[in-house]
Amino acid sequence: MADSELNILNDRPDLRPIIDLVEPESRVLDLGCGEGHLMNALQKLKRVRAQGIDLSDAAIQSCVEKGLFVYQGDIEEGLADFNDGSVDYVILTDTIQVLRRPAFLLKEAARVGKKVIVSVPNFGYWRVRLQLMFLGKMPRTRDLPYEWYDSPNIHLTTIQSFREFCSRNGLRIIREADLVLGGPNPRKTAAHPNFFANYAIFIVENDSK
């Protein structure tokens, strides 16, 4: 593995579980791609054909500097420019909690992608619960570092709530990874993940497929 590839994983160890889920040489659409760290890693490590969408001028510029294929657009408006099943994976990394209409975009993602990879911070994590219980204040953690009044997160969820959301919105969960992030290597947790995991990654698909 090249030094540049190792640096990607050293700088963003949280990307490794997502990268592991993607098949080599797949077609990938990264929604809310930011500065393109995930697309860059997927291209180098999995040789995917990746494209991204983001609204930020700075994010677009960063992607272009990395040689990535990226569109500037508002994903809140949907994915009308993309045909049904036109990519293998649509990826939303730490994205749905900042959306005004997460159900709408997830249904669009499941239409365009054969599979959808969604990652979310878990608001049911035990440290979050303890802060609410003993301090009586909106929690702040590594994954949720903002004060309530300046947070971009407007639709926080727990692992259990996301499972119920998928069931009610015609989305089938075909794989789930419940993780503890915070060190150099993400750790999986199997026992009571809604309490012990601070992060979760789901692969979902349209229930009609």
N, C-alpha and C. Protein backbone atom coordinates (compact mmCIF):
# COMPACT_ATOMS: atom_id res chain seq x y z
N MET A 1 0.84 -1.19 0.00
CA MET A 1 0.00 0.00 0.00
C MET A 1 0.88 1.25 0.00
N ALA A 2 0.58 2.20 -0.86
CA ALA A 2 1.40 3.40 -0.98
C ALA A 2 1.27 4.27 0.25
N ASP A 3 2.32 5.13 0.48
CA ASP A 3 2.32 6.02 1.64
C ASP A 3 1.11 6.94 1.63
N SER A 4 0.73 7.43 0.44
CA SER A 4 -0.42 8.34 0.36
C SER A 4 -1.70 7.65 0.80
N GLU A 5 -1.82 6.35 0.50
CA GLU A 5 -3.01 5.60 0.90
C GLU A 5 -3.02 5.38 2.41
N LEU A 6 -1.84 5.09 2.99
CA LEU A 6 -1.76 4.94 4.43
C LEU A 6 -2.11 6.24 5.13
N ASN A 7 -1.68 7.38 4.60
CA ASN A 7 -1.99 8.67 5.20
C ASN A 7 -3.48 8.94 5.24
N ILE A 8 -4.19 8.53 4.20
CA ILE A 8 -5.64 8.72 4.17
C ILE A 8 -6.28 8.03 5.37
N LEU A 9 -5.88 6.80 5.63
CA LEU A 9 -6.48 6.04 6.72
C LEU A 9 -6.00 6.52 8.08
N ASN A 10 -4.75 7.00 8.17
CA ASN A 10 -4.26 7.54 9.42
C ASN A 10 -4.99 8.82 9.80
N ASP A 11 -5.26 9.65 8.80
CA ASP A 11 -5.94 10.92 9.06
C ASP A 11 -7.42 10.73 9.35
N ARG A 12 -8.05 9.74 8.72
CA ARG A 12 -9.49 9.51 8.87
C ARG A 12 -9.77 8.03 9.11
N PRO A 13 -9.44 7.52 10.31
CA PRO A 13 -9.69 6.09 10.56
C PRO A 13 -11.16 5.73 10.51
N ASP A 14 -12.06 6.71 10.66
CA ASP A 14 -13.50 6.44 10.60
C ASP A 14 -13.94 6.04 9.19
N LEU A 15 -13.10 6.33 8.18
CA LEU A 15 -13.46 5.98 6.82
C LEU A 15 -13.26 4.49 6.51
N ARG A 16 -12.39 3.83 7.26
CA ARG A 16 -12.06 2.44 6.96
C ARG A 16 -13.29 1.52 6.94
N PRO A 17 -14.21 1.59 7.93
CA PRO A 17 -15.36 0.69 7.87
C PRO A 17 -16.23 0.92 6.64
N ILE A 18 -16.32 2.17 6.17
CA ILE A 18 -17.11 2.45 4.97
C ILE A 18 -16.39 1.92 3.74
N ILE A 19 -15.10 2.16 3.66
CA ILE A 19 -14.31 1.66 2.53
C ILE A 19 -14.42 0.14 2.42
N ASP A 20 -14.40 -0.54 3.56
CA ASP A 20 -14.48 -2.01 3.56
C ASP A 20 -15.79 -2.52 3.00
N LEU A 21 -16.84 -1.71 3.05
CA LEU A 21 -18.15 -2.15 2.58
C LEU A 21 -18.32 -2.04 1.07
N VAL A 22 -17.46 -1.28 0.42
CA VAL A 22 -17.62 -0.99 -1.01
C VAL A 22 -16.83 -1.99 -1.85
N GLU A 23 -17.50 -2.58 -2.83
CA GLU A 23 -16.84 -3.53 -3.71
C GLU A 23 -15.88 -2.80 -4.66
N PRO A 24 -14.74 -3.41 -4.98
CA PRO A 24 -13.79 -2.79 -5.92
C PRO A 24 -14.44 -2.49 -7.26
N GLU A 25 -14.00 -1.38 -7.85
CA GLU A 25 -14.40 -0.96 -9.20
C GLU A 25 -15.90 -0.69 -9.32
N SER A 26 -16.52 -0.33 -8.20
CA SER A 26 -17.94 0.02 -8.22
C SER A 26 -18.14 1.45 -8.71
N ARG A 27 -19.39 1.77 -9.02
CA ARG A 27 -19.79 3.14 -9.33
C ARG A 27 -20.37 3.73 -8.05
N VAL A 28 -19.81 4.87 -7.61
CA VAL A 28 -20.15 5.45 -6.32
C VAL A 28 -20.57 6.91 -6.48
N LEU A 29 -21.63 7.29 -5.80
CA LEU A 29 -22.07 8.68 -5.72
C LEU A 29 -22.04 9.09 -4.25
N ASP A 30 -21.20 10.08 -3.92
CA ASP A 30 -21.03 10.54 -2.55
C ASP A 30 -21.80 11.85 -2.37
N LEU A 31 -22.87 11.81 -1.60
CA LEU A 31 -23.72 12.98 -1.38
C LEU A 31 -23.24 13.76 -0.16
N GLY A 32 -23.03 15.07 -0.35
CA GLY A 32 -22.42 15.86 0.71
C GLY A 32 -20.99 15.44 0.90
N CYS A 33 -20.25 15.39 -0.21
CA CYS A 33 -18.91 14.77 -0.23
C CYS A 33 -17.85 15.58 0.50
N GLY A 34 -18.16 16.85 0.85
CA GLY A 34 -17.17 17.67 1.54
C GLY A 34 -15.91 17.84 0.72
N GLU A 35 -14.77 17.73 1.36
CA GLU A 35 -13.49 17.95 0.69
C GLU A 35 -13.01 16.72 -0.09
N GLY A 36 -13.81 15.67 -0.12
CA GLY A 36 -13.51 14.53 -0.99
C GLY A 36 -12.61 13.48 -0.39
N HIS A 37 -12.46 13.45 0.94
CA HIS A 37 -11.56 12.48 1.56
C HIS A 37 -12.01 11.04 1.29
N LEU A 38 -13.31 10.79 1.41
CA LEU A 38 -13.79 9.42 1.18
C LEU A 38 -13.65 9.03 -0.29
N MET A 39 -14.04 9.90 -1.21
CA MET A 39 -13.90 9.58 -2.63
C MET A 39 -12.45 9.33 -3.00
N ASN A 40 -11.57 10.15 -2.47
CA ASN A 40 -10.14 10.00 -2.74
C ASN A 40 -9.64 8.64 -2.26
N ALA A 41 -10.06 8.26 -1.05
CA ALA A 41 -9.63 6.97 -0.49
C ALA A 41 -10.21 5.82 -1.30
N LEU A 42 -11.48 5.92 -1.69
CA LEU A 42 -12.11 4.84 -2.46
C LEU A 42 -11.46 4.68 -3.83
N GLN A 43 -11.10 5.78 -4.46
CA GLN A 43 -10.44 5.68 -5.76
C GLN A 43 -9.08 5.03 -5.64
N LYS A 44 -8.34 5.37 -4.60
CA LYS A 44 -6.99 4.83 -4.44
C LYS A 44 -7.01 3.38 -3.96
N LEU A 45 -7.92 3.06 -3.04
CA LEU A 45 -7.91 1.75 -2.41
C LEU A 45 -8.82 0.73 -3.09
N LYS A 46 -9.91 1.19 -3.70
CA LYS A 46 -10.87 0.27 -4.30
C LYS A 46 -11.07 0.49 -5.80
N ARG A 47 -10.38 1.46 -6.38
CA ARG A 47 -10.43 1.74 -7.81
C ARG A 47 -11.87 1.98 -8.29
N VAL A 48 -12.66 2.67 -7.47
CA VAL A 48 -14.04 2.93 -7.84
C VAL A 48 -14.12 4.08 -8.84
N ARG A 49 -15.26 4.16 -9.51
CA ARG A 49 -15.59 5.31 -10.35
C ARG A 49 -16.49 6.21 -9.51
N ALA A 50 -15.91 7.25 -8.94
CA ALA A 50 -16.60 8.05 -7.94
C ALA A 50 -16.96 9.43 -8.47
N GLN A 51 -18.10 9.91 -8.04
CA GLN A 51 -18.49 11.29 -8.26
C GLN A 51 -19.18 11.79 -7.01
N GLY A 52 -19.08 13.09 -6.77
CA GLY A 52 -19.64 13.64 -5.55
C GLY A 52 -20.48 14.88 -5.83
N ILE A 53 -21.30 15.22 -4.85
CA ILE A 53 -22.11 16.44 -4.91
C ILE A 53 -21.95 17.17 -3.58
N ASP A 54 -21.69 18.47 -3.67
CA ASP A 54 -21.64 19.29 -2.47
C ASP A 54 -22.02 20.72 -2.84
N LEU A 55 -22.48 21.47 -1.86
CA LEU A 55 -22.92 22.85 -2.10
C LEU A 55 -21.82 23.86 -1.85
N SER A 56 -20.85 23.50 -1.02
CA SER A 56 -19.83 24.43 -0.58
C SER A 56 -18.80 24.72 -1.68
N ASP A 57 -18.52 26.01 -1.91
CA ASP A 57 -17.48 26.39 -2.87
C ASP A 57 -16.12 25.85 -2.45
N ALA A 58 -15.82 25.95 -1.15
CA ALA A 58 -14.52 25.48 -0.65
C ALA A 58 -14.38 23.97 -0.82
N ALA A 59 -15.46 23.23 -0.57
CA ALA A 59 -15.42 21.78 -0.72
C ALA A 59 -15.20 21.40 -2.18
N ILE A 60 -15.90 22.08 -3.08
CA ILE A 60 -15.74 21.80 -4.50
C ILE A 60 -14.31 22.06 -4.95
N GLN A 61 -13.74 23.17 -4.50
CA GLN A 61 -12.37 23.51 -4.87
C GLN A 61 -11.39 22.45 -4.37
N SER A 62 -11.60 21.98 -3.14
CA SER A 62 -10.72 20.95 -2.58
C SER A 62 -10.81 19.66 -3.38
N CYS A 63 -12.02 19.28 -3.79
CA CYS A 63 -12.20 18.07 -4.60
C CYS A 63 -11.50 18.21 -5.95
N VAL A 64 -11.66 19.36 -6.57
CA VAL A 64 -11.04 19.61 -7.87
C VAL A 64 -9.52 19.51 -7.75
N GLU A 65 -8.97 20.05 -6.68
CA GLU A 65 -7.52 19.99 -6.47
C GLU A 65 -7.03 18.55 -6.30
N LYS A 66 -7.90 17.67 -5.82
CA LYS A 66 -7.55 16.25 -5.68
C LYS A 66 -7.78 15.48 -6.97
N GLY A 67 -8.31 16.15 -7.99
CA GLY A 67 -8.58 15.47 -9.25
C GLY A 67 -9.85 14.65 -9.24
N LEU A 68 -10.79 15.02 -8.37
CA LEU A 68 -12.03 14.26 -8.23
C LEU A 68 -13.13 14.84 -9.11
N PHE A 69 -14.06 13.98 -9.50
CA PHE A 69 -15.19 14.37 -10.33
C PHE A 69 -16.33 14.78 -9.41
N VAL A 70 -16.68 16.06 -9.41
CA VAL A 70 -17.63 16.57 -8.43
C VAL A 70 -18.56 17.59 -9.06
N TYR A 71 -19.82 17.60 -8.59
CA TYR A 71 -20.81 18.58 -9.00
C TYR A 71 -21.08 19.53 -7.84
N GLN A 72 -21.38 20.77 -8.16
CA GLN A 72 -21.86 21.68 -7.12
C GLN A 72 -23.38 21.72 -7.21
N GLY A 73 -24.04 21.37 -6.12
CA GLY A 73 -25.49 21.36 -6.12
C GLY A 73 -26.04 21.14 -4.73
N ASP A 74 -27.34 21.36 -4.59
CA ASP A 74 -28.02 21.22 -3.31
C ASP A 74 -28.73 19.87 -3.30
N ILE A 75 -28.22 18.92 -2.52
CA ILE A 75 -28.81 17.60 -2.49
C ILE A 75 -30.21 17.61 -1.88
N GLU A 76 -30.55 18.67 -1.16
CA GLU A 76 -31.90 18.78 -0.61
C GLU A 76 -32.95 18.81 -1.72
N GLU A 77 -32.55 19.18 -2.92
CA GLU A 77 -33.49 19.26 -4.04
C GLU A 77 -33.70 17.92 -4.73
N GLY A 78 -32.98 16.90 -4.30
CA GLY A 78 -33.15 15.57 -4.88
C GLY A 78 -32.11 15.26 -5.94
N LEU A 79 -32.33 14.14 -6.63
CA LEU A 79 -31.35 13.61 -7.58
C LEU A 79 -31.98 13.38 -8.94
N ALA A 80 -32.74 14.37 -9.40
CA ALA A 80 -33.49 14.23 -10.65
C ALA A 80 -32.58 13.99 -11.86
N ASP A 81 -31.33 14.41 -11.78
CA ASP A 81 -30.41 14.24 -12.91
C ASP A 81 -29.86 12.81 -13.02
N PHE A 82 -30.20 11.96 -12.07
CA PHE A 82 -29.66 10.60 -12.06
C PHE A 82 -30.78 9.58 -12.30
N ASN A 83 -30.50 8.61 -13.15
CA ASN A 83 -31.47 7.56 -13.47
C ASN A 83 -31.58 6.53 -12.37
N ASP A 84 -32.67 5.79 -12.36
CA ASP A 84 -32.87 4.72 -11.39
C ASP A 84 -31.76 3.68 -11.52
N GLY A 85 -31.18 3.29 -10.38
CA GLY A 85 -30.17 2.24 -10.37
C GLY A 85 -28.93 2.54 -11.18
N SER A 86 -28.60 3.82 -11.32
CA SER A 86 -27.48 4.20 -12.19
C SER A 86 -26.11 4.08 -11.52
N VAL A 87 -26.08 3.89 -10.19
CA VAL A 87 -24.80 3.67 -9.50
C VAL A 87 -24.94 2.48 -8.58
N ASP A 88 -23.80 1.90 -8.20
CA ASP A 88 -23.82 0.75 -7.30
C ASP A 88 -24.07 1.17 -5.86
N TYR A 89 -23.43 2.28 -5.45
CA TYR A 89 -23.57 2.76 -4.08
C TYR A 89 -23.80 4.27 -4.07
N VAL A 90 -24.80 4.68 -3.32
CA VAL A 90 -24.90 6.09 -2.93
C VAL A 90 -24.48 6.15 -1.47
N ILE A 91 -23.58 7.10 -1.15
CA ILE A 91 -23.04 7.17 0.21
C ILE A 91 -23.40 8.51 0.85
N LEU A 92 -23.90 8.44 2.08
CA LEU A 92 -24.17 9.64 2.88
C LEU A 92 -23.43 9.47 4.20
N THR A 93 -22.31 10.16 4.34
CA THR A 93 -21.48 10.06 5.53
C THR A 93 -21.72 11.28 6.41
N ASP A 94 -22.28 11.05 7.60
CA ASP A 94 -22.57 12.16 8.52
C ASP A 94 -23.37 13.26 7.83
N THR A 95 -24.35 12.86 7.04
CA THR A 95 -25.09 13.82 6.21
C THR A 95 -26.55 13.95 6.59
N ILE A 96 -27.22 12.83 6.89
CA ILE A 96 -28.68 12.91 7.02
C ILE A 96 -29.12 13.78 8.19
N GLN A 97 -28.28 13.92 9.23
CA GLN A 97 -28.71 14.71 10.38
C GLN A 97 -28.69 16.21 10.12
N VAL A 98 -28.08 16.63 9.00
CA VAL A 98 -28.05 18.06 8.68
C VAL A 98 -29.12 18.42 7.64
N LEU A 99 -29.89 17.44 7.18
CA LEU A 99 -30.86 17.68 6.12
C LEU A 99 -32.20 18.12 6.69
N ARG A 100 -32.90 18.95 5.92
CA ARG A 100 -34.26 19.33 6.30
C ARG A 100 -35.23 18.19 6.05
N ARG A 101 -35.01 17.42 4.98
CA ARG A 101 -35.92 16.33 4.60
C ARG A 101 -35.14 15.05 4.39
N PRO A 102 -34.66 14.44 5.47
CA PRO A 102 -33.85 13.23 5.30
C PRO A 102 -34.59 12.08 4.64
N ALA A 103 -35.89 11.94 4.92
CA ALA A 103 -36.65 10.84 4.31
C ALA A 103 -36.70 10.99 2.79
N PHE A 104 -36.91 12.20 2.33
CA PHE A 104 -36.96 12.46 0.88
C PHE A 104 -35.65 12.08 0.22
N LEU A 105 -34.52 12.52 0.78
CA LEU A 105 -33.24 12.25 0.13
C LEU A 105 -32.87 10.78 0.21
N LEU A 106 -33.18 10.12 1.31
CA LEU A 106 -32.85 8.70 1.40
C LEU A 106 -33.65 7.88 0.39
N LYS A 107 -34.90 8.25 0.16
CA LYS A 107 -35.69 7.56 -0.86
C LYS A 107 -35.10 7.82 -2.25
N GLU A 108 -34.66 9.05 -2.49
CA GLU A 108 -34.00 9.37 -3.75
C GLU A 108 -32.71 8.58 -3.90
N ALA A 109 -31.94 8.50 -2.83
CA ALA A 109 -30.68 7.74 -2.87
C ALA A 109 -30.94 6.27 -3.16
N ALA A 110 -32.00 5.70 -2.57
CA ALA A 110 -32.33 4.30 -2.80
C ALA A 110 -32.88 4.07 -4.20
N ARG A 111 -33.39 5.11 -4.81
CA ARG A 111 -33.83 5.00 -6.21
C ARG A 111 -32.63 4.97 -7.15
N VAL A 112 -31.67 5.85 -6.90
CA VAL A 112 -30.51 6.00 -7.78
C VAL A 112 -29.48 4.91 -7.56
N GLY A 113 -29.28 4.54 -6.31
CA GLY A 113 -28.25 3.55 -5.98
C GLY A 113 -28.83 2.16 -5.78
N LYS A 114 -28.09 1.16 -6.21
CA LYS A 114 -28.50 -0.21 -5.94
C LYS A 114 -28.43 -0.48 -4.44
N LYS A 115 -27.47 0.17 -3.78
CA LYS A 115 -27.36 0.12 -2.33
C LYS A 115 -27.01 1.52 -1.83
N VAL A 116 -27.42 1.80 -0.61
CA VAL A 116 -27.13 3.10 0.01
C VAL A 116 -26.38 2.84 1.31
N ILE A 117 -25.24 3.50 1.47
CA ILE A 117 -24.47 3.42 2.71
C ILE A 117 -24.70 4.71 3.48
N VAL A 118 -25.21 4.57 4.70
CA VAL A 118 -25.54 5.73 5.54
C VAL A 118 -24.79 5.60 6.86
N SER A 119 -24.08 6.65 7.26
CA SER A 119 -23.44 6.64 8.57
C SER A 119 -24.02 7.76 9.42
N VAL A 120 -24.25 7.46 10.71
CA VAL A 120 -24.86 8.43 11.62
C VAL A 120 -24.21 8.37 12.99
N PRO A 121 -24.04 9.51 13.66
CA PRO A 121 -23.69 9.47 15.08
C PRO A 121 -24.92 9.04 15.88
N ASN A 122 -24.70 8.27 16.93
CA ASN A 122 -25.79 7.71 17.72
C ASN A 122 -26.08 8.59 18.93
N PHE A 123 -27.26 9.24 18.91
CA PHE A 123 -27.64 10.12 20.01
C PHE A 123 -28.08 9.32 21.24
N GLY A 124 -28.18 8.00 21.10
CA GLY A 124 -28.51 7.15 22.24
C GLY A 124 -27.29 6.63 22.98
N TYR A 125 -26.10 7.04 22.57
CA TYR A 125 -24.83 6.60 23.18
C TYR A 125 -24.82 6.93 24.67
N TRP A 126 -24.21 6.07 25.47
CA TRP A 126 -24.31 6.21 26.92
C TRP A 126 -23.74 7.52 27.44
N ARG A 127 -22.67 8.04 26.82
CA ARG A 127 -22.12 9.32 27.27
C ARG A 127 -23.11 10.46 27.03
N VAL A 128 -23.83 10.39 25.93
CA VAL A 128 -24.86 11.39 25.63
C VAL A 128 -25.96 11.31 26.68
N ARG A 129 -26.40 10.10 26.99
CA ARG A 129 -27.47 9.92 27.97
C ARG A 129 -27.06 10.45 29.34
N LEU A 130 -25.82 10.18 29.73
CA LEU A 130 -25.37 10.63 31.05
C LEU A 130 -25.30 12.15 31.13
N GLN A 131 -24.85 12.79 30.06
CA GLN A 131 -24.81 14.25 30.07
C GLN A 131 -26.21 14.83 30.23
N LEU A 132 -27.17 14.27 29.53
CA LEU A 132 -28.55 14.74 29.66
C LEU A 132 -29.09 14.48 31.06
N MET A 133 -28.79 13.31 31.59
CA MET A 133 -29.34 12.93 32.89
C MET A 133 -28.75 13.76 34.04
N PHE A 134 -27.42 13.91 34.05
CA PHE A 134 -26.78 14.51 35.22
C PHE A 134 -26.51 16.01 35.07
N LEU A 135 -26.31 16.47 33.84
CA LEU A 135 -26.05 17.89 33.64
C LEU A 135 -27.29 18.65 33.19
N GLY A 136 -28.24 17.92 32.61
CA GLY A 136 -29.46 18.57 32.15
C GLY A 136 -29.22 19.53 31.00
N LYS A 137 -28.15 19.30 30.22
CA LYS A 137 -27.82 20.18 29.10
C LYS A 137 -27.71 19.36 27.83
N MET A 138 -27.86 20.03 26.68
CA MET A 138 -27.64 19.34 25.41
C MET A 138 -26.21 18.81 25.36
N PRO A 139 -26.05 17.53 25.06
CA PRO A 139 -24.72 16.91 25.12
C PRO A 139 -23.77 17.42 24.05
N ARG A 140 -22.49 17.34 24.38
CA ARG A 140 -21.42 17.57 23.41
C ARG A 140 -20.45 16.41 23.51
N THR A 141 -20.16 15.79 22.36
CA THR A 141 -19.24 14.66 22.31
C THR A 141 -18.31 14.84 21.13
N ARG A 142 -17.41 13.86 20.94
CA ARG A 142 -16.50 13.92 19.79
C ARG A 142 -17.26 13.99 18.48
N ASP A 143 -18.34 13.21 18.38
CA ASP A 143 -19.12 13.17 17.15
C ASP A 143 -20.17 14.26 17.07
N LEU A 144 -20.52 14.83 18.20
CA LEU A 144 -21.52 15.91 18.26
C LEU A 144 -20.91 17.07 19.05
N PRO A 145 -19.95 17.78 18.45
CA PRO A 145 -19.15 18.74 19.22
C PRO A 145 -19.75 20.13 19.35
N TYR A 146 -20.92 20.38 18.77
CA TYR A 146 -21.45 21.73 18.69
C TYR A 146 -22.34 22.07 19.88
N GLU A 147 -22.44 23.37 20.15
CA GLU A 147 -23.48 23.85 21.05
C GLU A 147 -24.81 23.77 20.32
N TRP A 148 -25.89 23.67 21.07
CA TRP A 148 -27.20 23.48 20.45
C TRP A 148 -27.57 24.63 19.51
N TYR A 149 -27.07 25.84 19.82
CA TYR A 149 -27.50 27.02 19.05
C TYR A 149 -26.69 27.24 17.78
N ASP A 150 -25.57 26.55 17.61
CA ASP A 150 -24.82 26.72 16.36
C ASP A 150 -24.55 25.38 15.67
N SER A 151 -25.32 24.35 16.04
CA SER A 151 -25.11 23.03 15.46
C SER A 151 -25.77 22.93 14.09
N PRO A 152 -25.07 22.33 13.11
CA PRO A 152 -25.71 22.05 11.83
C PRO A 152 -26.64 20.84 11.90
N ASN A 153 -26.57 20.08 13.00
CA ASN A 153 -27.37 18.87 13.14
C ASN A 153 -28.79 19.21 13.58
N ILE A 154 -29.73 19.03 12.66
CA ILE A 154 -31.11 19.40 12.96
C ILE A 154 -32.02 18.18 13.11
N HIS A 155 -31.55 16.99 12.72
CA HIS A 155 -32.34 15.78 12.86
C HIS A 155 -31.46 14.67 13.42
N LEU A 156 -31.12 14.78 14.69
CA LEU A 156 -30.33 13.74 15.33
C LEU A 156 -31.16 12.48 15.51
N THR A 157 -30.47 11.34 15.52
CA THR A 157 -31.18 10.07 15.66
C THR A 157 -30.38 9.11 16.53
N THR A 158 -31.05 8.06 16.95
CA THR A 158 -30.38 6.95 17.61
C THR A 158 -30.37 5.77 16.64
N ILE A 159 -29.61 4.75 16.98
CA ILE A 159 -29.57 3.56 16.13
C ILE A 159 -30.95 2.93 16.04
N GLN A 160 -31.63 2.81 17.17
CA GLN A 160 -32.96 2.20 17.17
C GLN A 160 -33.95 3.04 16.37
N SER A 161 -33.89 4.35 16.51
CA SER A 161 -34.80 5.22 15.77
C SER A 161 -34.55 5.14 14.27
N PHE A 162 -33.28 5.00 13.86
CA PHE A 162 -32.99 4.89 12.43
C PHE A 162 -33.53 3.58 11.87
N ARG A 163 -33.42 2.51 12.63
CA ARG A 163 -33.99 1.23 12.19
C ARG A 163 -35.51 1.37 11.96
N GLU A 164 -36.19 2.02 12.91
CA GLU A 164 -37.63 2.21 12.78
C GLU A 164 -37.96 3.11 11.59
N PHE A 165 -37.15 4.14 11.39
CA PHE A 165 -37.33 5.04 10.26
C PHE A 165 -37.28 4.27 8.94
N CYS A 166 -36.30 3.39 8.80
CA CYS A 166 -36.17 2.61 7.57
C CYS A 166 -37.40 1.73 7.36
N SER A 167 -37.85 1.08 8.42
CA SER A 167 -39.01 0.20 8.32
C SER A 167 -40.25 0.96 7.86
N ARG A 168 -40.41 2.18 8.33
CA ARG A 168 -41.60 2.98 8.01
C ARG A 168 -41.51 3.64 6.63
N ASN A 169 -40.31 3.70 6.06
CA ASN A 169 -40.13 4.42 4.80
C ASN A 169 -39.73 3.51 3.64
N GLY A 170 -40.03 2.23 3.74
CA GLY A 170 -39.80 1.32 2.64
C GLY A 170 -38.34 1.05 2.34
N LEU A 171 -37.49 1.11 3.38
CA LEU A 171 -36.07 0.85 3.20
C LEU A 171 -35.69 -0.40 4.00
N ARG A 172 -34.99 -1.32 3.35
CA ARG A 172 -34.56 -2.56 3.99
C ARG A 172 -33.10 -2.44 4.41
N ILE A 173 -32.82 -2.68 5.67
CA ILE A 173 -31.43 -2.70 6.15
C ILE A 173 -30.85 -4.07 5.84
N ILE A 174 -29.80 -4.10 5.03
CA ILE A 174 -29.21 -5.38 4.66
C ILE A 174 -27.89 -5.64 5.39
N ARG A 175 -27.36 -4.60 6.01
CA ARG A 175 -26.14 -4.78 6.81
C ARG A 175 -26.00 -3.59 7.76
N GLU A 176 -25.47 -3.85 8.94
CA GLU A 176 -25.30 -2.80 9.94
C GLU A 176 -23.98 -3.02 10.68
N ALA A 177 -23.23 -1.94 10.88
CA ALA A 177 -22.01 -1.98 11.68
C ALA A 177 -22.14 -0.95 12.78
N ASP A 178 -22.14 -1.40 14.02
CA ASP A 178 -22.25 -0.52 15.19
C ASP A 178 -20.87 -0.38 15.80
N LEU A 179 -20.39 0.87 15.90
CA LEU A 179 -18.98 1.11 16.19
C LEU A 179 -18.78 2.04 17.37
N VAL A 180 -17.59 1.94 17.94
CA VAL A 180 -17.10 2.93 18.89
C VAL A 180 -15.92 3.62 18.24
N LEU A 181 -16.10 4.88 17.90
CA LEU A 181 -15.03 5.68 17.31
C LEU A 181 -14.38 6.53 18.38
N GLY A 182 -13.17 6.97 18.10
CA GLY A 182 -12.48 7.84 19.05
C GLY A 182 -11.01 7.53 19.16
N GLY A 183 -10.58 6.37 18.68
CA GLY A 183 -9.17 6.00 18.68
C GLY A 183 -8.69 5.76 17.27
N PRO A 184 -7.48 5.23 17.13
CA PRO A 184 -6.95 4.98 15.79
C PRO A 184 -7.66 3.87 15.04
N ASN A 185 -8.33 2.98 15.77
CA ASN A 185 -9.02 1.86 15.12
C ASN A 185 -10.45 1.77 15.64
N PRO A 186 -11.44 1.94 14.76
CA PRO A 186 -12.83 1.77 15.17
C PRO A 186 -13.07 0.38 15.73
N ARG A 187 -13.85 0.28 16.80
CA ARG A 187 -14.17 -1.01 17.42
C ARG A 187 -15.64 -1.32 17.21
N LYS A 188 -15.94 -2.56 16.85
CA LYS A 188 -17.32 -2.99 16.69
C LYS A 188 -17.89 -3.40 18.05
N THR A 189 -19.15 -3.13 18.24
CA THR A 189 -19.83 -3.56 19.45
C THR A 189 -21.10 -4.30 19.06
N ALA A 190 -21.32 -5.46 19.67
CA ALA A 190 -22.48 -6.28 19.32
C ALA A 190 -23.56 -6.22 20.40
N ALA A 191 -23.14 -6.03 21.64
CA ALA A 191 -24.09 -6.04 22.76
C ALA A 191 -24.69 -4.65 22.96
N HIS A 192 -26.01 -4.57 22.88
CA HIS A 192 -26.74 -3.33 23.14
C HIS A 192 -26.13 -2.12 22.41
N PRO A 193 -26.04 -2.18 21.08
CA PRO A 193 -25.36 -1.11 20.34
C PRO A 193 -26.03 0.26 20.49
N ASN A 194 -27.34 0.29 20.72
CA ASN A 194 -28.00 1.58 20.87
C ASN A 194 -27.51 2.32 22.11
N PHE A 195 -26.90 1.59 23.05
CA PHE A 195 -26.35 2.17 24.27
C PHE A 195 -24.84 2.33 24.19
N PHE A 196 -24.14 1.32 23.64
CA PHE A 196 -22.68 1.29 23.71
C PHE A 196 -21.97 1.81 22.46
N ALA A 197 -22.64 1.92 21.33
CA ALA A 197 -22.00 2.40 20.10
C ALA A 197 -22.24 3.90 19.95
N ASN A 198 -21.21 4.63 19.57
CA ASN A 198 -21.40 6.07 19.33
C ASN A 198 -21.57 6.39 17.85
N TYR A 199 -21.54 5.36 17.00
CA TYR A 199 -21.59 5.58 15.57
C TYR A 199 -22.12 4.32 14.91
N ALA A 200 -22.86 4.49 13.83
CA ALA A 200 -23.39 3.32 13.12
C ALA A 200 -23.33 3.55 11.62
N ILE A 201 -23.09 2.47 10.91
CA ILE A 201 -23.09 2.48 9.44
C ILE A 201 -24.09 1.44 8.97
N PHE A 202 -24.98 1.86 8.09
CA PHE A 202 -26.01 0.98 7.56
C PHE A 202 -25.86 0.86 6.04
N ILE A 203 -26.12 -0.33 5.52
CA ILE A 203 -26.36 -0.48 4.09
C ILE A 203 -27.85 -0.76 3.93
N VAL A 204 -28.52 0.08 3.15
CA VAL A 204 -29.95 -0.08 2.95
C VAL A 204 -30.26 -0.13 1.45
N GLU A 205 -31.42 -0.63 1.14
CA GLU A 205 -31.89 -0.63 -0.23
C GLU A 205 -33.40 -0.46 -0.23
N ASN A 206 -33.92 -0.10 -1.37
CA ASN A 206 -35.36 0.03 -1.52
C ASN A 206 -36.04 -1.31 -1.24
N ASP A 207 -37.04 -1.30 -0.41
CA ASP A 207 -37.68 -2.54 0.00
C ASP A 207 -38.39 -3.25 -1.14
N SER A 208 -38.63 -2.53 -2.24
CA SER A 208 -39.31 -3.14 -3.39
C SER A 208 -38.36 -3.87 -4.31
N LYS A 209 -37.04 -3.76 -4.07
CA LYS A 209 -36.07 -4.41 -4.96
C LYS A 209 -36.02 -5.90 -4.69
